[in-house]
Amino acid sequence: MKSIRNTLAALLLAIPCLAEAAVYDEMMTAVKLGDRSAVIELLNRGMDVNTSDIEGNTLLMLAVRENHPELVDLFILQRAKINARNMHGDSALRLAAYEGRLIIVQHLVAAGAQIETEGWTPLIYAAFNGHAEVVEYLLAKGANVNAISESGITALMAAARGGYADLAKRLTALGADINLKDTNGKTALDWAIGARNTTIADFLQEQGARKGRDIKKVKK
């Protein structure tokens, strides 16, 4: 009899967990599909707006990834943590910049998303994929054109690597330092040459860019 009671007790304890798991799955599906009505219903039923998946991606981040601006706005109104980071260190704004989702980027910045972050900034992410409009917007909002990632990568280096000539020229015109070196001693010119982006390499050389090995270390 004691064994039966213990089994029943365990089942009763498991029911709330199963119910929570079901609600979680419903929310994940609703966000993926962009089902605003379903998302609102689940939030009204008590679902935490800052719920995240196993990688730390919040509902806001997932809405960014799935390109659902209306859900992004909804989560912002529900006071989602705008600057939360996932396990990879990415924020919603970083993800939006990486994907080139200009409207979402604008809404996140207006809601208080941090433009300057440690490591790969939203600007570098945008430049990495050649999203010129996002780059222009972030710079207009005060992004540091010479911000560096953990490995010393700048937006100009990212553009040079990706072969985005117009973007590389624009960044240079807006003050990008053409001779900054990453942690491996490579400059934007090195990145352009390494990726065989000759148009960018030629342009950078015309602007006075040098290879990292040709830049002597300044003595203090």
Protein backbone atom coordinates (compact mmCIF):
# COMPACT_ATOMS: atom_id res chain seq x y z
CA MET A 1 0.00 0.00 0.00
CA LYS A 2 2.85 2.35 0.87
CA SER A 3 4.39 1.71 -2.54
CA ILE A 4 1.12 2.62 -4.28
CA ARG A 5 0.82 5.83 -2.26
CA ASN A 6 4.38 6.80 -3.16
CA THR A 7 3.70 6.15 -6.83
CA LEU A 8 0.54 8.25 -6.78
CA ALA A 9 2.34 11.05 -4.97
CA ALA A 10 5.11 11.03 -7.58
CA LEU A 11 2.55 11.19 -10.38
CA LEU A 12 0.77 14.12 -8.76
CA LEU A 13 4.05 15.99 -8.43
CA ALA A 14 4.85 15.31 -12.06
CA ILE A 15 1.58 16.74 -13.38
CA PRO A 16 2.52 20.43 -12.89
CA CYS A 17 5.89 19.80 -14.54
CA LEU A 18 4.23 18.15 -17.52
CA ALA A 19 1.76 21.01 -17.77
CA GLU A 20 4.56 23.57 -17.68
CA ALA A 21 6.45 21.66 -20.36
CA ALA A 22 3.37 21.62 -22.56
CA VAL A 23 2.89 25.38 -22.18
CA TYR A 24 6.57 25.93 -22.93
CA ASP A 25 6.32 23.88 -26.12
CA GLU A 26 3.18 25.80 -27.12
CA MET A 27 5.00 29.11 -26.69
CA MET A 28 8.04 27.99 -28.66
CA THR A 29 5.80 26.86 -31.50
CA ALA A 30 3.73 30.05 -31.41
CA VAL A 31 6.85 32.25 -31.60
CA LYS A 32 8.30 30.21 -34.44
CA LEU A 33 5.07 30.53 -36.41
CA GLY A 34 4.58 34.18 -35.52
CA ASP A 35 1.19 33.41 -33.98
CA ARG A 36 0.64 36.64 -32.06
CA SER A 37 -2.77 35.63 -30.68
CA ALA A 38 -1.41 32.40 -29.26
CA VAL A 39 1.57 34.20 -27.75
CA ILE A 40 -0.70 36.76 -26.06
CA GLU A 41 -2.91 34.00 -24.68
CA LEU A 42 0.05 32.15 -23.21
CA LEU A 43 1.45 35.33 -21.68
CA ASN A 44 -1.95 36.04 -20.15
CA ARG A 45 -1.90 32.55 -18.68
CA GLY A 46 1.26 33.44 -16.81
CA MET A 47 4.09 32.53 -19.16
CA ASP A 48 7.21 34.54 -18.30
CA VAL A 49 8.08 36.90 -21.15
CA ASN A 50 11.76 36.19 -20.43
CA THR A 51 11.44 32.45 -20.89
CA SER A 52 14.41 31.06 -22.81
CA ASP A 53 15.41 27.89 -24.63
CA ILE A 54 18.28 25.59 -23.63
CA GLU A 55 20.80 27.91 -25.31
CA GLY A 56 19.56 30.94 -23.42
CA ASN A 57 17.68 32.46 -26.35
CA THR A 58 14.80 34.46 -24.91
CA LEU A 59 11.42 34.74 -26.59
CA LEU A 60 12.54 38.15 -27.84
CA MET A 61 15.64 36.65 -29.44
CA LEU A 62 13.63 33.87 -31.02
CA ALA A 63 11.20 36.39 -32.48
CA VAL A 64 14.19 38.24 -33.96
CA ARG A 65 15.58 35.06 -35.49
CA GLU A 66 12.23 34.11 -36.98
CA ASN A 67 11.81 37.67 -38.30
CA HIS A 68 8.55 38.51 -36.57
CA PRO A 69 8.67 42.29 -35.88
CA GLU A 70 5.16 42.26 -34.44
CA LEU A 71 6.24 39.77 -31.77
CA VAL A 72 9.38 41.77 -31.07
CA ASP A 73 7.19 44.82 -30.41
CA LEU A 74 4.88 42.73 -28.24
CA PHE A 75 7.70 41.41 -26.09
CA ILE A 76 9.15 44.89 -25.75
CA LEU A 77 5.76 46.15 -24.52
CA GLN A 78 5.69 43.22 -22.08
CA ARG A 79 9.00 44.48 -20.68
CA ALA A 80 11.23 41.73 -21.97
CA LYS A 81 14.88 42.07 -20.97
CA ILE A 82 16.17 43.91 -24.04
CA ASN A 83 19.85 43.35 -23.33
CA ALA A 84 19.74 39.76 -22.13
CA ARG A 85 22.47 37.51 -23.57
CA ASN A 86 22.27 33.90 -24.66
CA MET A 87 24.96 31.32 -23.88
CA HIS A 88 26.97 32.56 -26.86
CA GLY A 89 26.95 36.12 -25.55
CA ASP A 90 24.56 37.41 -28.20
CA SER A 91 21.79 39.89 -27.49
CA ALA A 92 18.61 40.41 -29.49
CA LEU A 93 20.20 43.43 -31.18
CA ARG A 94 23.29 41.47 -32.17
CA LEU A 95 21.12 38.78 -33.72
CA ALA A 96 19.01 41.35 -35.56
CA ALA A 97 22.12 43.09 -36.91
CA TYR A 98 23.64 39.79 -38.01
CA GLU A 99 20.49 38.93 -39.93
CA GLY A 100 20.17 42.44 -41.38
CA ARG A 101 16.71 43.01 -39.96
CA LEU A 102 16.71 46.82 -40.09
CA ILE A 103 13.18 47.41 -38.78
CA ILE A 104 13.78 45.16 -35.80
CA VAL A 105 17.16 46.79 -35.17
CA GLN A 106 15.47 50.20 -35.13
CA HIS A 107 12.77 49.06 -32.72
CA LEU A 108 15.28 47.44 -30.36
CA VAL A 109 17.50 50.51 -30.29
CA ALA A 110 14.48 52.72 -29.64
CA ALA A 111 13.60 50.43 -26.74
CA GLY A 112 17.04 50.82 -25.16
CA ALA A 113 19.14 48.03 -26.66
CA GLN A 114 22.84 48.55 -26.13
CA ILE A 115 24.68 49.46 -29.33
CA GLU A 116 28.12 49.14 -27.79
CA THR A 117 28.85 45.74 -26.29
CA GLU A 118 31.98 43.82 -25.39
CA GLY A 119 33.19 41.50 -28.12
CA TRP A 120 31.38 41.34 -31.43
CA THR A 121 29.28 44.48 -31.51
CA PRO A 122 26.05 44.74 -33.54
CA LEU A 123 28.00 46.90 -36.01
CA ILE A 124 30.64 44.23 -36.63
CA TYR A 125 27.92 41.60 -37.02
CA ALA A 126 26.12 43.73 -39.59
CA ALA A 127 29.33 44.40 -41.52
CA PHE A 128 30.24 40.71 -41.45
CA ASN A 129 27.19 39.94 -43.58
CA GLY A 130 27.30 43.13 -45.63
CA HIS A 131 24.13 44.69 -44.23
CA ALA A 132 24.91 48.26 -45.27
CA GLU A 133 21.61 49.81 -44.13
CA VAL A 134 22.01 48.37 -40.65
CA VAL A 135 25.61 49.58 -40.54
CA GLU A 136 24.55 53.10 -41.55
CA TYR A 137 21.78 53.16 -38.96
CA LEU A 138 23.98 51.95 -36.12
CA LEU A 139 26.69 54.46 -36.97
CA ALA A 140 24.08 57.23 -37.06
CA LYS A 141 23.06 56.15 -33.58
CA GLY A 142 26.58 56.46 -32.28
CA ALA A 143 28.16 53.08 -32.84
CA ASN A 144 31.96 53.11 -32.69
CA VAL A 145 33.24 52.52 -36.22
CA ASN A 146 36.51 51.16 -34.77
CA ALA A 147 35.02 48.85 -32.16
CA ILE A 148 36.87 45.55 -31.93
CA SER A 149 35.80 42.00 -31.14
CA GLU A 150 37.61 39.68 -28.70
CA SER A 151 39.96 38.69 -31.51
CA GLY A 152 40.51 42.27 -32.65
CA ILE A 153 38.18 42.11 -35.66
CA THR A 154 36.69 45.44 -36.75
CA ALA A 155 33.73 46.22 -38.99
CA LEU A 156 36.15 47.18 -41.77
CA MET A 157 38.01 43.88 -41.49
CA ALA A 158 34.69 42.03 -41.59
CA ALA A 159 33.63 43.91 -44.73
CA ALA A 160 37.04 43.32 -46.33
CA ARG A 161 36.84 39.61 -45.62
CA GLY A 162 33.30 39.36 -46.97
CA GLY A 163 34.05 41.24 -50.18
CA TYR A 164 31.66 44.11 -49.52
CA ALA A 165 33.53 46.82 -51.42
CA ASP A 166 30.96 49.61 -51.13
CA LEU A 167 30.62 48.98 -47.42
CA ALA A 168 34.39 48.96 -46.93
CA LYS A 169 34.62 52.30 -48.73
CA ARG A 170 31.80 53.74 -46.67
CA LEU A 171 33.34 52.62 -43.38
CA THR A 172 36.65 54.12 -44.41
CA ALA A 173 34.94 57.40 -45.29
CA LEU A 174 33.29 57.41 -41.86
CA GLY A 175 36.59 57.11 -40.05
CA ALA A 176 37.44 53.41 -39.89
CA ASP A 177 41.12 52.96 -39.06
CA ILE A 178 42.55 51.09 -42.04
CA ASN A 179 45.67 49.95 -40.20
CA LEU A 180 44.29 48.46 -37.01
CA LYS A 181 45.55 44.93 -36.39
CA ASP A 182 43.64 41.96 -34.98
CA THR A 183 45.13 39.61 -32.38
CA ASN A 184 46.91 37.70 -35.15
CA GLY A 185 48.51 40.87 -36.47
CA LYS A 186 46.31 41.08 -39.56
CA THR A 187 44.94 44.34 -40.92
CA ALA A 188 41.91 44.92 -43.13
CA LEU A 189 44.28 44.74 -46.09
CA ASP A 190 45.50 41.33 -44.99
CA TRP A 191 41.90 40.17 -44.69
CA ALA A 192 41.04 41.46 -48.17
CA ILE A 193 44.11 39.84 -49.73
CA GLY A 194 43.53 36.57 -47.87
CA ALA A 195 39.95 36.42 -49.16
CA ARG A 196 41.12 37.40 -52.68
CA ASN A 197 38.98 40.49 -52.65
CA THR A 198 41.28 42.46 -54.92
CA THR A 199 38.94 45.41 -55.44
CA ILE A 200 38.91 46.09 -51.71
CA ALA A 201 42.63 45.41 -51.38
CA ASP A 202 43.42 47.90 -54.14
CA PHE A 203 41.15 50.50 -52.59
CA LEU A 204 42.68 50.08 -49.14
CA GLN A 205 46.19 50.38 -50.54
CA GLU A 206 45.18 53.58 -52.31
CA GLN A 207 44.08 54.89 -48.92
CA GLY A 208 47.45 54.05 -47.39
CA ALA A 209 46.60 50.70 -45.85
CA ARG A 210 49.43 48.33 -45.01
CA LYS A 211 49.84 44.69 -44.16
CA GLY A 212 50.20 43.95 -40.50
CA ARG A 213 53.76 42.73 -40.85
CA ASP A 214 54.75 46.09 -42.35
CA ILE A 215 53.44 48.11 -39.43
CA LYS A 216 56.15 48.57 -36.84
CA LYS A 217 55.20 48.50 -33.21
CA VAL A 218 55.38 51.96 -31.69
CA LYS A 219 57.82 52.18 -28.81
CA LYS A 220 56.42 53.69 -25.63
